[in-house]
Amino acid sequence: MTNIRLLALPAAAAVAALLVGAVVPAAAQTAPKKNWTPPAGKIYAQVLSDETMARHPELLSVTFHGVPPGEKDTYTMFAGSYPERIGNPDDPDDIDVSKKGITIVDPRWRRTNDTVKKFVVLEPLRDKAGEDIGLIVYAFKTDAGNAGERKYTLAAMDLRDRLQAKIPSYAALFAPAK
């Protein structure tokens, strides 16, 4: 029997592959269903994500979330340091930050399903005018547990506030990268 690796298969194709004896990676079997497909080229928000990650080695990730233009209630990750996750539906806590403008400080220190020690801050993403336009999530590398709460919360706010000056509007985040 031939051992074929298949990536990111739709459910029906994965079942068919299993029936003929192909191997389907665990990631393809458990990947959440996408609720948005990004444009073929890189968008401005992805440029901002890439720049942030390049300048901040203390970060494990940065992700941008919201409702893409032309969509209604399609809360999704539309840019970030995990390109394979772009288009994944937002979790309820992500949507709360987008809708309510709240900040969530989440040490994730005792979560059994998180294999990497991190400190996560979910906060409103703002445009140049100071308007809440979505959500930005910063995950910091840390072994400090809850001891870094003040440090990472303030660092996330500083990162977000510096980013704000580079965002003329929400629509600009979806413009093709220059």
Protein backbone atom coordinates (compact mmCIF):
# COMPACT_ATOMS: atom_id res chain seq x y z
CA MET A 1 0.00 0.00 0.00
CA THR A 2 1.34 3.47 -0.88
CA ASN A 3 1.87 5.90 1.99
CA ILE A 4 0.69 9.31 0.71
CA ARG A 5 0.71 12.45 2.87
CA LEU A 6 -2.30 14.69 2.31
CA LEU A 7 -2.55 18.24 3.65
CA ALA A 8 -5.58 20.38 4.56
CA LEU A 9 -8.17 18.15 2.96
CA PRO A 10 -11.87 18.87 3.13
CA ALA A 11 -13.69 16.28 5.28
CA ALA A 12 -15.07 14.27 2.36
CA ALA A 13 -11.66 14.06 0.69
CA ALA A 14 -10.05 13.03 4.00
CA VAL A 15 -12.55 10.18 4.38
CA ALA A 16 -11.93 9.08 0.80
CA ALA A 17 -8.18 9.18 1.40
CA LEU A 18 -8.54 7.01 4.48
CA LEU A 19 -10.64 4.51 2.52
CA VAL A 20 -7.83 4.03 0.01
CA GLY A 21 -5.21 3.73 2.74
CA ALA A 22 -3.58 7.18 2.59
CA VAL A 23 -2.23 8.84 5.73
CA VAL A 24 -3.96 12.06 6.79
CA PRO A 25 -1.94 14.20 9.22
CA ALA A 26 -3.58 14.95 12.58
CA ALA A 27 -3.53 18.68 11.83
CA ALA A 28 -5.64 18.14 8.71
CA GLN A 29 -8.06 15.97 10.65
CA THR A 30 -8.66 18.53 13.39
CA ALA A 31 -8.25 21.86 11.59
CA PRO A 32 -11.20 24.17 12.20
CA LYS A 33 -13.40 25.02 9.26
CA LYS A 34 -12.41 28.37 7.79
CA ASN A 35 -15.03 31.12 7.69
CA TRP A 36 -13.09 33.50 5.41
CA THR A 37 -10.61 33.17 2.57
CA PRO A 38 -7.95 35.87 2.35
CA PRO A 39 -7.05 37.46 -0.96
CA ALA A 40 -4.29 35.77 -2.96
CA GLY A 41 -1.72 38.48 -2.22
CA LYS A 42 -0.43 39.76 1.11
CA ILE A 43 -2.59 42.41 2.79
CA TYR A 44 -1.38 45.41 4.79
CA ALA A 45 -2.36 43.84 8.13
CA GLN A 46 -0.07 40.91 7.35
CA VAL A 47 2.78 43.33 6.69
CA LEU A 48 2.14 44.90 10.10
CA SER A 49 2.12 41.45 11.71
CA ASP A 50 5.38 40.45 9.99
CA GLU A 51 7.06 43.73 11.00
CA THR A 52 5.94 43.35 14.61
CA MET A 53 7.25 39.80 14.86
CA ALA A 54 10.59 40.79 13.29
CA ARG A 55 11.08 43.64 15.77
CA HIS A 56 9.90 41.85 18.92
CA PRO A 57 11.62 38.54 19.69
CA GLU A 58 9.78 38.44 23.04
CA LEU A 59 6.57 37.64 21.13
CA LEU A 60 5.38 34.16 20.38
CA SER A 61 2.66 35.54 18.09
CA VAL A 62 0.56 38.51 17.06
CA THR A 63 -2.83 38.14 15.36
CA PHE A 64 -5.39 40.53 13.90
CA HIS A 65 -9.10 39.74 14.20
CA GLY A 66 -12.39 41.24 13.05
CA VAL A 67 -15.05 41.09 10.37
CA PRO A 68 -13.56 41.38 6.86
CA PRO A 69 -15.06 44.05 4.58
CA GLY A 70 -18.18 42.83 2.80
CA GLU A 71 -18.91 40.21 5.48
CA LYS A 72 -21.51 40.31 8.25
CA ASP A 73 -20.80 38.78 11.66
CA THR A 74 -17.93 36.75 10.19
CA TYR A 75 -15.48 37.25 13.04
CA THR A 76 -12.17 35.79 11.93
CA MET A 77 -8.40 36.00 12.21
CA PHE A 78 -7.43 37.92 9.09
CA ALA A 79 -3.68 38.33 9.58
CA GLY A 80 -1.01 37.07 11.90
CA SER A 81 2.11 35.15 12.67
CA TYR A 82 0.37 31.80 12.07
CA PRO A 83 -0.58 32.06 8.38
CA GLU A 84 -2.23 28.62 8.44
CA ARG A 85 -4.75 29.99 10.95
CA ILE A 86 -5.84 32.93 8.81
CA GLY A 87 -9.55 32.52 8.15
CA ASN A 88 -10.21 30.54 11.33
CA PRO A 89 -13.36 31.65 13.13
CA ASP A 90 -12.84 33.73 16.24
CA ASP A 91 -13.49 32.27 19.68
CA PRO A 92 -16.21 33.81 21.88
CA ASP A 93 -13.60 35.75 23.91
CA ASP A 94 -12.16 37.23 20.69
CA ILE A 95 -15.64 38.37 19.64
CA ASP A 96 -16.26 39.91 23.07
CA VAL A 97 -13.16 42.08 22.71
CA SER A 98 -14.23 43.16 19.19
CA LYS A 99 -17.84 43.90 20.12
CA LYS A 100 -17.44 45.29 23.64
CA GLY A 101 -14.04 46.95 23.42
CA ILE A 102 -12.79 45.12 26.50
CA THR A 103 -9.28 43.83 27.20
CA ILE A 104 -8.64 40.28 28.34
CA VAL A 105 -5.45 39.46 30.21
CA ASP A 106 -4.90 35.71 30.01
CA PRO A 107 -1.77 34.18 31.58
CA ARG A 108 -2.62 30.71 30.19
CA TRP A 109 -0.26 29.37 32.79
CA ARG A 110 -2.35 26.41 33.89
CA ARG A 111 -4.02 25.48 30.61
CA THR A 112 -3.36 21.84 29.89
CA ASN A 113 -3.94 22.10 26.12
CA ASP A 114 -1.33 24.85 25.64
CA THR A 115 2.07 23.24 25.23
CA VAL A 116 4.05 26.50 25.18
CA LYS A 117 4.31 28.75 28.24
CA LYS A 118 2.92 32.14 27.27
CA PHE A 119 1.13 35.22 28.45
CA VAL A 120 -1.67 36.44 26.18
CA VAL A 121 -3.31 39.87 25.98
CA LEU A 122 -6.41 40.37 23.82
CA GLU A 123 -7.22 44.05 23.32
CA PRO A 124 -9.13 46.35 21.00
CA LEU A 125 -7.29 47.21 17.79
CA ARG A 126 -7.53 50.93 17.06
CA ASP A 127 -7.09 53.07 13.99
CA LYS A 128 -5.21 56.37 13.76
CA ALA A 129 -8.32 58.27 14.93
CA GLY A 130 -8.48 56.13 18.09
CA GLU A 131 -11.58 54.19 17.07
CA ASP A 132 -11.91 50.53 18.05
CA ILE A 133 -11.83 48.57 14.80
CA GLY A 134 -11.31 44.97 15.83
CA LEU A 135 -9.02 42.90 18.00
CA ILE A 136 -5.29 42.36 18.28
CA VAL A 137 -3.81 39.48 20.26
CA TYR A 138 -0.24 39.46 21.56
CA ALA A 139 1.23 36.24 22.98
CA PHE A 140 4.47 36.72 24.89
CA LYS A 141 7.05 34.00 25.50
CA THR A 142 7.44 33.56 29.26
CA ASP A 143 8.21 31.25 32.10
CA ALA A 144 7.16 33.88 34.65
CA GLY A 145 3.57 32.69 35.04
CA ASN A 146 1.26 35.25 36.59
CA ALA A 147 4.24 37.22 37.89
CA GLY A 148 4.49 39.07 34.57
CA GLU A 149 0.88 40.26 34.41
CA ARG A 150 1.62 44.00 34.73
CA LYS A 151 4.70 43.80 32.49
CA TYR A 152 2.98 41.99 29.62
CA THR A 153 -0.26 43.95 29.83
CA LEU A 154 1.61 47.25 29.58
CA ALA A 155 3.87 45.89 26.82
CA ALA A 156 0.82 44.82 24.79
CA MET A 157 -0.79 48.23 25.22
CA ASP A 158 2.42 49.95 24.12
CA LEU A 159 2.70 47.70 21.04
CA ARG A 160 -0.94 48.32 20.13
CA ASP A 161 -0.68 52.08 20.65
CA ARG A 162 2.41 52.33 18.41
CA LEU A 163 0.65 50.21 15.77
CA GLN A 164 -2.40 52.50 15.88
CA ALA A 165 -0.47 55.32 14.19
CA LYS A 166 0.10 53.05 11.16
CA ILE A 167 -3.59 52.22 10.63
CA PRO A 168 -5.46 54.97 8.75
CA SER A 169 -8.69 52.90 8.69
CA TYR A 170 -10.01 49.41 9.09
CA ALA A 171 -10.36 49.04 5.31
CA ALA A 172 -6.66 49.91 4.92
CA LEU A 173 -5.75 46.72 6.78
CA PHE A 174 -7.21 44.69 3.90
CA ALA A 175 -5.53 46.70 1.12
CA PRO A 176 -2.88 44.90 -0.94
CA ALA A 177 0.59 45.19 0.59
CA LYS A 178 2.91 47.70 -1.04
